Amino acid sequence: MKQTILRKYARLIARVGVNIQKGQEVIIGCDLDQPKFVELLVDECYKAGAAKVKVEFSYQPLEKLHVRHQTVTAMSKVEAWEKARYQYYVDTLPCRIYLTSEDPDGLKGINQKKMAKADQKRYPIVKPYLDQMENRYQWCIAAVPGVAWAKKLFPGLPRGQAVEKLWEAILFTSRVTEDPEAAWQAHDRDLADRCAYLNSLGIAELRYRGDNGTDLTVGMIPEAEFKGGGDTSLQGVFFNPNIPTEECFISPMRGKAEGVVYATKPLSYQGELIENFSIRFENGRAVEVRAEKNQTLLEQMISMDEGAAYLGECALVPVDSPISQSGLLFYETLFDENAACHLALGMGFADTIRGFENRTLEECRALGVNDSMEHNDFMIGYEGLDIDAVTRDGRTVPIFRRGRWAF
């Protein structure tokens, strides 16, 4: 891929994604797949005004070794220096950039139960730090190609060609045009307009119906509102947390979901794929799950903590979005969730509550925003999905017909 195009993409992530302010620190988390692009991104972060940029590399084979050889006690221990680092993040609020490129099957064969136990023990120690940073800093998830990921999408191509094809798909769906910043400004305006219409309806419930068997009703929080595109931190900085993004999303009322929903794309969870699955809800809780592949892993996912079996997000995405038009199944949630309507099990978003900036995190959760160590998006949209909104004044308003916006 041409260096000039990749630099545009790096600049987009730095200036439109996290929107670095002069003097801020930046932390980039990434895999080992694209070191030259990481170099470009670090350069663009400094040009955007960053005072310091730190890169934290990860590598799936090392993660598998750690899980194989360490005890659960060793894996779950949060060392004093780690606590000091979290406190530093709370005090300084660095921008966070997450570059994903990992192999969708890269942790296949890992001891998932052992890893889950360690995560469950670590989370209560880490959670107070995360809660203190909630909505206060800028962050952005974007993607670069990894060889294994590219070969998953394009198995018939040589490695180099597969990576190039994946670059093309990432840049197209991320709106890296002649003027990416202008393209994103227009895109943010469109999503904001759609959210404004949805919020004007006074929605009490969303009803999902599909000819694949989906029949689900989800209740809304009266104080909640749809959001999409960019967001504004409590520090007053506008940023775009996902590149790409096509969704208008809201956090539903915890405990208000009834019926069954069928996933329409695989879910990549903990480095493995869960495929052809359904989830049945009663009183808001996932009480039955079925999967043709990785049923046990799906059951583990919804039992990580009390909130993991409740919905934290309802997101609306038309089937004619640019990602869907690419015709690719990315096996990566960042992209696949933006090709179709989706739901998420686990943590909801406090910033979907109107006036959240004047409420505590606990007050937002008391209104019905779900809390969990998990947040797992799964795709339910397709050509056969209809969605209706039942409003608080008793109207039924079509929102989606045959997988597309009905307005």
Protein backbone atom coordinates (compact mmCIF):
# COMPACT_ATOMS: atom_id res chain seq x y z
CA MET A 1 0.00 0.00 0.00
CA LYS A 2 1.29 3.47 -0.88
CA GLN A 3 2.96 5.34 1.97
CA THR A 4 0.98 8.51 1.20
CA ILE A 5 -2.34 6.70 1.70
CA LEU A 6 -1.18 5.02 4.90
CA ARG A 7 -0.08 8.39 6.26
CA LYS A 8 -3.57 9.76 5.57
CA TYR A 9 -4.98 6.88 7.57
CA ALA A 10 -2.53 7.46 10.43
CA ARG A 11 -3.42 11.16 10.46
CA LEU A 12 -7.12 10.27 10.50
CA ILE A 13 -6.68 8.06 13.58
CA ALA A 14 -4.60 10.70 15.40
CA ARG A 15 -6.65 13.79 14.56
CA VAL A 16 -10.21 12.51 13.96
CA GLY A 17 -10.10 9.25 15.92
CA VAL A 18 -8.65 10.26 19.29
CA ASN A 19 -8.32 13.97 18.38
CA ILE A 20 -5.08 14.48 20.32
CA GLN A 21 -4.88 17.79 22.15
CA LYS A 22 -1.58 19.62 22.54
CA GLY A 23 0.43 18.20 25.42
CA GLN A 24 -1.57 14.98 25.84
CA GLU A 25 0.08 11.61 26.24
CA VAL A 26 -0.89 8.75 23.90
CA ILE A 27 -0.75 4.99 24.43
CA ILE A 28 -0.97 2.72 21.38
CA GLY A 29 -1.83 -0.94 21.88
CA CYS A 30 -1.13 -3.17 18.89
CA ASP A 31 0.05 -6.54 17.63
CA LEU A 32 3.37 -7.17 15.86
CA ASP A 33 1.92 -7.21 12.34
CA GLN A 34 2.45 -3.68 10.98
CA PRO A 35 5.47 -2.01 12.66
CA LYS A 36 5.98 0.46 9.79
CA PHE A 37 2.42 1.71 10.09
CA VAL A 38 2.82 2.00 13.85
CA GLU A 39 5.88 4.16 13.15
CA LEU A 40 3.77 6.39 10.89
CA LEU A 41 1.05 6.61 13.52
CA VAL A 42 3.50 7.58 16.25
CA ASP A 43 4.86 10.32 13.97
CA GLU A 44 1.34 11.64 13.27
CA CYS A 45 0.54 11.60 16.99
CA TYR A 46 3.51 13.85 17.68
CA LYS A 47 2.57 16.11 14.77
CA ALA A 48 -0.93 16.41 16.27
CA GLY A 49 0.60 17.74 19.49
CA ALA A 50 1.25 14.67 21.66
CA ALA A 51 3.80 15.23 24.41
CA LYS A 52 4.69 11.55 24.70
CA VAL A 53 3.67 8.39 22.82
CA LYS A 54 4.08 4.90 24.22
CA VAL A 55 3.58 1.71 22.19
CA GLU A 56 2.53 -1.55 23.89
CA PHE A 57 2.92 -4.59 21.64
CA SER A 58 1.09 -7.89 22.17
CA TYR A 59 1.49 -11.28 20.48
CA GLN A 60 -1.02 -14.11 20.58
CA PRO A 61 1.55 -16.98 20.72
CA LEU A 62 3.04 -15.41 23.85
CA GLU A 63 -0.42 -15.12 25.40
CA LYS A 64 -0.93 -18.84 24.81
CA LEU A 65 2.40 -19.61 26.49
CA HIS A 66 1.55 -17.47 29.51
CA VAL A 67 -1.80 -19.22 29.97
CA ARG A 68 -0.20 -22.65 29.54
CA HIS A 69 2.62 -22.17 32.05
CA GLN A 70 1.36 -19.72 34.68
CA THR A 71 -0.98 -20.67 37.50
CA VAL A 72 -4.33 -18.93 37.82
CA THR A 73 -2.95 -17.21 40.93
CA ALA A 74 0.02 -15.81 38.99
CA MET A 75 -2.13 -14.74 36.04
CA SER A 76 -4.70 -13.00 38.21
CA LYS A 77 -2.34 -11.10 40.50
CA VAL A 78 -2.34 -7.34 39.97
CA GLU A 79 1.14 -6.24 40.98
CA ALA A 80 1.85 -3.01 42.86
CA TRP A 81 3.50 -1.51 39.78
CA GLU A 82 0.37 -2.29 37.73
CA LYS A 83 -1.82 -0.49 40.27
CA ALA A 84 0.56 2.47 40.16
CA ARG A 85 0.28 2.49 36.35
CA TYR A 86 -3.53 2.44 36.49
CA GLN A 87 -3.47 5.30 38.98
CA TYR A 88 -1.19 7.23 36.62
CA TYR A 89 -3.75 6.70 33.84
CA VAL A 90 -6.50 7.98 36.14
CA ASP A 91 -4.46 11.07 36.98
CA THR A 92 -3.24 11.90 33.45
CA LEU A 93 -5.99 10.48 31.18
CA PRO A 94 -3.80 9.59 28.18
CA CYS A 95 -5.44 9.06 24.78
CA ARG A 96 -5.73 5.36 23.96
CA ILE A 97 -5.40 3.94 20.43
CA TYR A 98 -6.10 0.25 19.88
CA LEU A 99 -4.89 -1.19 16.56
CA THR A 100 -6.42 -4.59 15.93
CA SER A 101 -4.88 -7.08 13.49
CA GLU A 102 -4.98 -10.35 15.37
CA ASP A 103 -5.78 -13.78 13.93
CA PRO A 104 -9.51 -14.53 14.55
CA ASP A 105 -8.46 -18.12 15.42
CA GLY A 106 -5.20 -17.13 17.08
CA LEU A 107 -6.02 -18.46 20.54
CA LYS A 108 -7.58 -21.71 19.38
CA GLY A 109 -6.66 -24.49 21.80
CA ILE A 110 -5.97 -22.16 24.71
CA ASN A 111 -7.34 -23.11 28.13
CA GLN A 112 -10.35 -20.77 28.03
CA LYS A 113 -11.58 -21.73 31.51
CA LYS A 114 -8.21 -20.96 33.07
CA MET A 115 -8.00 -17.61 31.29
CA ALA A 116 -11.56 -16.75 32.34
CA LYS A 117 -10.86 -17.54 36.00
CA ALA A 118 -7.83 -15.25 35.96
CA ASP A 119 -9.82 -12.44 34.31
CA GLN A 120 -12.60 -12.81 36.88
CA LYS A 121 -10.10 -12.49 39.74
CA ARG A 122 -8.27 -9.49 38.20
CA TYR A 123 -11.32 -7.48 37.22
CA PRO A 124 -12.59 -6.46 40.69
CA ILE A 125 -9.14 -5.02 41.43
CA VAL A 126 -8.88 -3.15 38.13
CA LYS A 127 -12.53 -2.01 37.94
CA PRO A 128 -12.26 0.98 40.35
CA TYR A 129 -9.56 2.50 38.13
CA LEU A 130 -11.59 1.89 34.96
CA ASP A 131 -14.69 3.45 36.52
CA GLN A 132 -12.73 6.58 37.42
CA MET A 133 -11.67 6.98 33.78
CA GLU A 134 -15.11 6.21 32.28
CA ASN A 135 -16.04 8.87 29.65
CA ARG A 136 -13.14 11.12 30.69
CA TYR A 137 -10.59 10.32 27.99
CA GLN A 138 -10.42 9.92 24.21
CA TRP A 139 -9.97 6.50 22.67
CA CYS A 140 -10.14 4.94 19.23
CA ILE A 141 -10.17 1.40 17.86
CA ALA A 142 -8.91 0.99 14.30
CA ALA A 143 -7.41 -1.87 12.28
CA VAL A 144 -4.38 -2.87 10.26
CA PRO A 145 -3.86 -6.15 8.40
CA GLY A 146 -2.21 -9.15 9.98
CA VAL A 147 -1.03 -11.99 7.75
CA ALA A 148 -3.13 -14.66 9.48
CA TRP A 149 -6.19 -12.41 9.47
CA ALA A 150 -5.69 -11.56 5.79
CA LYS A 151 -5.31 -15.24 4.84
CA LYS A 152 -8.53 -15.99 6.73
CA LEU A 153 -10.36 -13.57 4.44
CA PHE A 154 -8.48 -14.37 1.24
CA PRO A 155 -7.26 -17.98 1.55
CA GLY A 156 -6.61 -18.36 -2.18
CA LEU A 157 -4.13 -15.48 -2.40
CA PRO A 158 -0.41 -15.40 -1.54
CA ARG A 159 0.38 -13.71 1.75
CA GLY A 160 1.46 -10.38 0.27
CA GLN A 161 -1.57 -10.08 -1.99
CA ALA A 162 -3.93 -11.07 0.82
CA VAL A 163 -2.50 -8.35 3.08
CA GLU A 164 -2.83 -5.79 0.26
CA LYS A 165 -6.47 -6.78 -0.32
CA LEU A 166 -7.21 -6.43 3.38
CA TRP A 167 -5.54 -3.00 3.42
CA GLU A 168 -7.84 -1.96 0.55
CA ALA A 169 -10.92 -3.15 2.45
CA ILE A 170 -9.88 -1.42 5.70
CA LEU A 171 -9.14 1.89 3.98
CA PHE A 172 -12.35 1.82 1.91
CA THR A 173 -14.62 1.10 4.87
CA SER A 174 -12.74 3.63 7.02
CA ARG A 175 -13.43 6.40 4.48
CA VAL A 176 -9.80 7.10 3.71
CA THR A 177 -10.62 9.22 0.67
CA GLU A 178 -8.86 12.21 -0.89
CA ASP A 179 -9.97 14.17 2.18
CA PRO A 180 -10.70 11.71 5.01
CA GLU A 181 -11.34 14.42 7.61
CA ALA A 182 -14.06 16.04 5.48
CA ALA A 183 -15.58 12.63 4.75
CA TRP A 184 -15.78 11.89 8.47
CA GLN A 185 -17.31 15.28 9.27
CA ALA A 186 -20.11 14.56 6.77
CA HIS A 187 -20.53 11.01 8.09
CA ASP A 188 -20.77 12.20 11.70
CA ARG A 189 -23.45 14.72 10.67
CA ASP A 190 -25.52 12.00 8.97
CA LEU A 191 -25.37 9.71 12.00
CA ALA A 192 -26.21 12.62 14.32
CA ASP A 193 -29.29 13.46 12.21
CA ARG A 194 -30.53 9.86 12.33
CA CYS A 195 -30.02 9.72 16.09
CA ALA A 196 -31.91 13.00 16.49
CA TYR A 197 -34.92 11.53 14.67
CA LEU A 198 -34.85 8.34 16.73
CA ASN A 199 -34.62 10.35 19.94
CA SER A 200 -37.57 12.50 18.89
CA LEU A 201 -39.86 9.44 18.86
CA GLY A 202 -39.84 8.73 22.60
CA ILE A 203 -39.16 5.00 22.15
CA ALA A 204 -40.33 2.65 24.90
CA GLU A 205 -39.52 -0.66 23.14
CA LEU A 206 -37.75 -2.00 20.09
CA ARG A 207 -39.34 -5.05 18.47
CA TYR A 208 -37.13 -7.26 16.28
CA ARG A 209 -38.76 -9.72 13.86
CA GLY A 210 -37.00 -11.89 11.28
CA ASP A 211 -37.92 -14.80 9.03
CA ASN A 212 -34.95 -16.69 10.51
CA GLY A 213 -36.84 -17.06 13.81
CA THR A 214 -35.75 -13.84 15.54
CA ASP A 215 -38.60 -12.55 17.72
CA LEU A 216 -37.31 -10.22 20.42
CA THR A 217 -38.64 -7.21 22.32
CA VAL A 218 -36.22 -4.95 24.21
CA GLY A 219 -37.26 -2.19 26.64
CA MET A 220 -35.60 1.23 26.65
CA ILE A 221 -34.48 3.45 29.53
CA PRO A 222 -36.67 6.60 29.50
CA GLU A 223 -33.61 8.80 30.10
CA ALA A 224 -31.50 7.11 27.39
CA GLU A 225 -30.81 8.42 23.89
CA PHE A 226 -29.32 7.09 20.69
CA LYS A 227 -25.78 8.10 19.85
CA GLY A 228 -23.61 7.54 16.80
CA GLY A 229 -20.36 8.57 15.18
CA GLY A 230 -18.27 10.89 17.31
CA ASP A 231 -18.57 11.49 21.04
CA THR A 232 -17.47 14.19 23.48
CA SER A 233 -15.47 13.31 26.57
CA LEU A 234 -16.18 14.83 29.96
CA GLN A 235 -13.11 16.95 29.29
CA GLY A 236 -15.00 18.52 26.37
CA VAL A 237 -13.02 16.92 23.52
CA PHE A 238 -14.86 15.50 20.49
CA PHE A 239 -13.46 12.19 19.20
CA ASN A 240 -14.44 9.15 17.12
CA PRO A 241 -14.03 5.95 19.16
CA ASN A 242 -14.47 3.53 16.24
CA ILE A 243 -12.92 3.73 12.77
CA PRO A 244 -14.98 2.57 10.92
CA THR A 245 -18.46 3.05 12.38
CA GLU A 246 -21.96 2.95 10.88
CA GLU A 247 -24.14 2.48 13.97
CA CYS A 248 -26.76 4.40 15.89
CA PHE A 249 -26.72 2.79 19.33
CA ILE A 250 -28.39 2.98 22.71
CA SER A 251 -28.13 1.19 26.05
CA PRO A 252 -31.42 -0.61 26.82
CA MET A 253 -33.06 -1.15 30.18
CA ARG A 254 -31.42 -3.96 32.11
CA GLY A 255 -33.96 -6.71 32.72
CA LYS A 256 -36.27 -5.73 29.82
CA ALA A 257 -35.73 -8.24 27.01
CA GLU A 258 -38.03 -11.08 26.01
CA GLY A 259 -37.77 -13.59 23.19
CA VAL A 260 -35.17 -15.20 20.97
CA VAL A 261 -32.61 -13.76 18.57
CA TYR A 262 -30.45 -15.50 15.97
CA ALA A 263 -26.93 -14.37 15.15
CA THR A 264 -26.26 -13.80 11.45
CA LYS A 265 -22.45 -13.71 11.58
CA PRO A 266 -19.77 -15.52 13.61
CA LEU A 267 -18.60 -13.93 16.85
CA SER A 268 -14.87 -13.74 17.53
CA TYR A 269 -14.45 -14.12 21.31
CA GLN A 270 -11.18 -14.67 23.16
CA GLY A 271 -9.37 -15.58 19.94
CA GLU A 272 -11.91 -18.21 18.83
CA LEU A 273 -15.03 -18.16 16.67
CA ILE A 274 -18.55 -18.89 17.93
CA GLU A 275 -20.76 -19.75 14.96
CA ASN A 276 -24.45 -20.25 14.11
CA PHE A 277 -25.86 -19.41 17.50
CA SER A 278 -29.06 -18.16 19.11
CA ILE A 279 -29.86 -16.60 22.48
CA ARG A 280 -33.18 -16.67 24.33
CA PHE A 281 -34.02 -13.98 26.89
CA GLU A 282 -36.40 -13.97 29.83
CA ASN A 283 -36.76 -10.94 32.11
CA GLY A 284 -33.80 -9.43 30.31
CA ARG A 285 -31.44 -12.32 31.00
CA ALA A 286 -29.94 -14.75 28.50
CA VAL A 287 -31.37 -18.02 29.84
CA GLU A 288 -30.60 -20.32 26.90
CA VAL A 289 -27.87 -20.29 24.27
CA ARG A 290 -27.31 -22.67 21.38
CA ALA A 291 -24.32 -22.74 19.03
CA GLU A 292 -23.20 -25.12 16.31
CA LYS A 293 -19.58 -24.24 17.06
CA ASN A 294 -18.12 -23.37 20.49
CA GLN A 295 -21.30 -23.78 22.54
CA THR A 296 -19.23 -24.14 25.73
CA LEU A 297 -17.36 -20.91 25.02
CA LEU A 298 -20.66 -19.06 24.49
CA GLU A 299 -21.94 -20.40 27.81
CA GLN A 300 -18.73 -19.24 29.48
CA MET A 301 -19.10 -15.79 27.92
CA ILE A 302 -22.52 -15.15 29.45
CA SER A 303 -21.45 -16.40 32.87
CA MET A 304 -18.31 -14.30 33.38
CA ASP A 305 -20.23 -12.18 35.89
CA GLU A 306 -23.82 -11.30 36.77
CA GLY A 307 -24.12 -8.63 34.07
CA ALA A 308 -22.64 -10.70 31.25
CA ALA A 309 -26.02 -12.32 30.50
CA TYR A 310 -27.86 -8.98 30.15
CA LEU A 311 -27.94 -6.61 27.20
CA GLY A 312 -25.78 -3.49 27.27
CA GLU A 313 -26.36 -2.18 23.74
CA CYS A 314 -28.82 -2.14 20.85
CA ALA A 315 -27.24 -0.87 17.63
CA LEU A 316 -28.90 -0.10 14.29
CA VAL A 317 -26.91 -0.58 11.08
CA PRO A 318 -28.38 -0.99 7.57
CA VAL A 319 -27.38 -3.93 5.37
CA ASP A 320 -26.33 -1.48 2.64
CA SER A 321 -23.57 0.09 4.77
CA PRO A 322 -20.15 0.36 3.06
CA ILE A 323 -18.86 -2.57 5.12
CA SER A 324 -21.78 -4.73 4.06
CA GLN A 325 -21.33 -3.59 0.45
CA SER A 326 -17.74 -4.83 0.55
CA GLY A 327 -19.18 -8.35 0.57
CA LEU A 328 -16.59 -9.46 3.13
CA LEU A 329 -17.05 -11.30 6.39
CA PHE A 330 -14.17 -9.80 8.37
CA TYR A 331 -14.25 -12.16 11.38
CA GLU A 332 -13.54 -9.01 13.40
CA THR A 333 -16.21 -7.30 15.49
CA LEU A 334 -15.03 -3.76 14.67
CA PHE A 335 -16.06 -4.36 11.05
CA ASP A 336 -18.75 -7.02 11.19
CA GLU A 337 -20.78 -5.08 13.78
CA ASN A 338 -20.88 -2.19 11.32
CA ALA A 339 -22.24 -4.36 8.52
CA ALA A 340 -25.45 -5.29 10.35
CA CYS A 341 -27.70 -4.49 13.27
CA HIS A 342 -26.27 -5.95 16.44
CA LEU A 343 -26.78 -6.37 20.14
CA ALA A 344 -24.17 -6.52 22.88
CA LEU A 345 -24.16 -8.60 26.03
CA GLY A 346 -22.49 -7.04 29.03
CA MET A 347 -21.56 -3.48 29.94
CA GLY A 348 -23.78 -0.65 28.76
CA PHE A 349 -22.78 2.94 28.08
CA ALA A 350 -23.42 5.51 30.79
CA ASP A 351 -22.96 8.31 28.27
CA THR A 352 -26.18 7.29 26.49
CA ILE A 353 -28.07 8.76 29.46
CA ARG A 354 -29.19 12.34 28.87
CA GLY A 355 -27.28 14.65 31.17
CA PHE A 356 -24.84 11.89 32.12
CA GLU A 357 -22.17 14.53 32.66
CA ASN A 358 -24.17 15.76 35.66
CA ARG A 359 -24.76 12.27 37.09
CA THR A 360 -22.44 9.80 38.75
CA LEU A 361 -21.66 6.49 37.08
CA GLU A 362 -23.62 4.77 39.84
CA GLU A 363 -26.67 6.96 39.14
CA CYS A 364 -26.57 6.07 35.43
CA ARG A 365 -26.42 2.38 36.25
CA ALA A 366 -29.27 2.76 38.74
CA LEU A 367 -31.43 4.04 35.87
CA GLY A 368 -30.92 0.72 34.06
CA VAL A 369 -27.52 0.81 32.31
CA ASN A 370 -26.03 -2.67 32.64
CA ASP A 371 -22.67 -3.17 34.34
CA SER A 372 -20.27 -6.03 33.55
CA MET A 373 -16.64 -6.87 32.92
CA GLU A 374 -17.77 -8.03 29.46
CA HIS A 375 -19.05 -6.22 26.36
CA ASN A 376 -19.59 -8.60 23.46
CA ASP A 377 -21.26 -7.44 20.26
CA PHE A 378 -22.99 -10.04 18.11
CA MET A 379 -24.60 -9.45 14.74
CA ILE A 380 -28.31 -10.04 14.12
CA GLY A 381 -29.00 -7.93 11.03
CA TYR A 382 -29.71 -9.27 7.55
CA GLU A 383 -32.06 -8.75 4.59
CA GLY A 384 -34.99 -10.34 6.45
CA LEU A 385 -34.95 -8.25 9.64
CA ASP A 386 -37.73 -5.78 10.51
CA ILE A 387 -37.57 -3.48 13.54
CA ASP A 388 -40.43 -1.43 14.96
CA ALA A 389 -40.34 1.17 17.70
CA VAL A 390 -43.23 1.29 20.16
CA THR A 391 -43.33 4.82 21.51
CA ARG A 392 -44.27 5.97 24.98
CA ASP A 393 -47.46 7.52 23.57
CA GLY A 394 -48.55 4.19 22.07
CA ARG A 395 -47.55 4.53 18.42
CA THR A 396 -45.78 1.84 16.40
CA VAL A 397 -43.16 3.38 14.09
CA PRO A 398 -41.21 1.37 11.49
CA ILE A 399 -37.45 1.74 11.98
CA PHE A 400 -36.07 -1.03 9.72
CA ARG A 401 -37.64 -2.92 6.84
CA ARG A 402 -35.80 -5.81 5.21
CA GLY A 403 -32.59 -4.81 6.94
CA ARG A 404 -32.66 -1.15 5.82
CA TRP A 405 -33.68 2.14 7.36
CA ALA A 406 -37.43 2.68 7.07
CA PHE A 407 -37.04 6.47 7.20
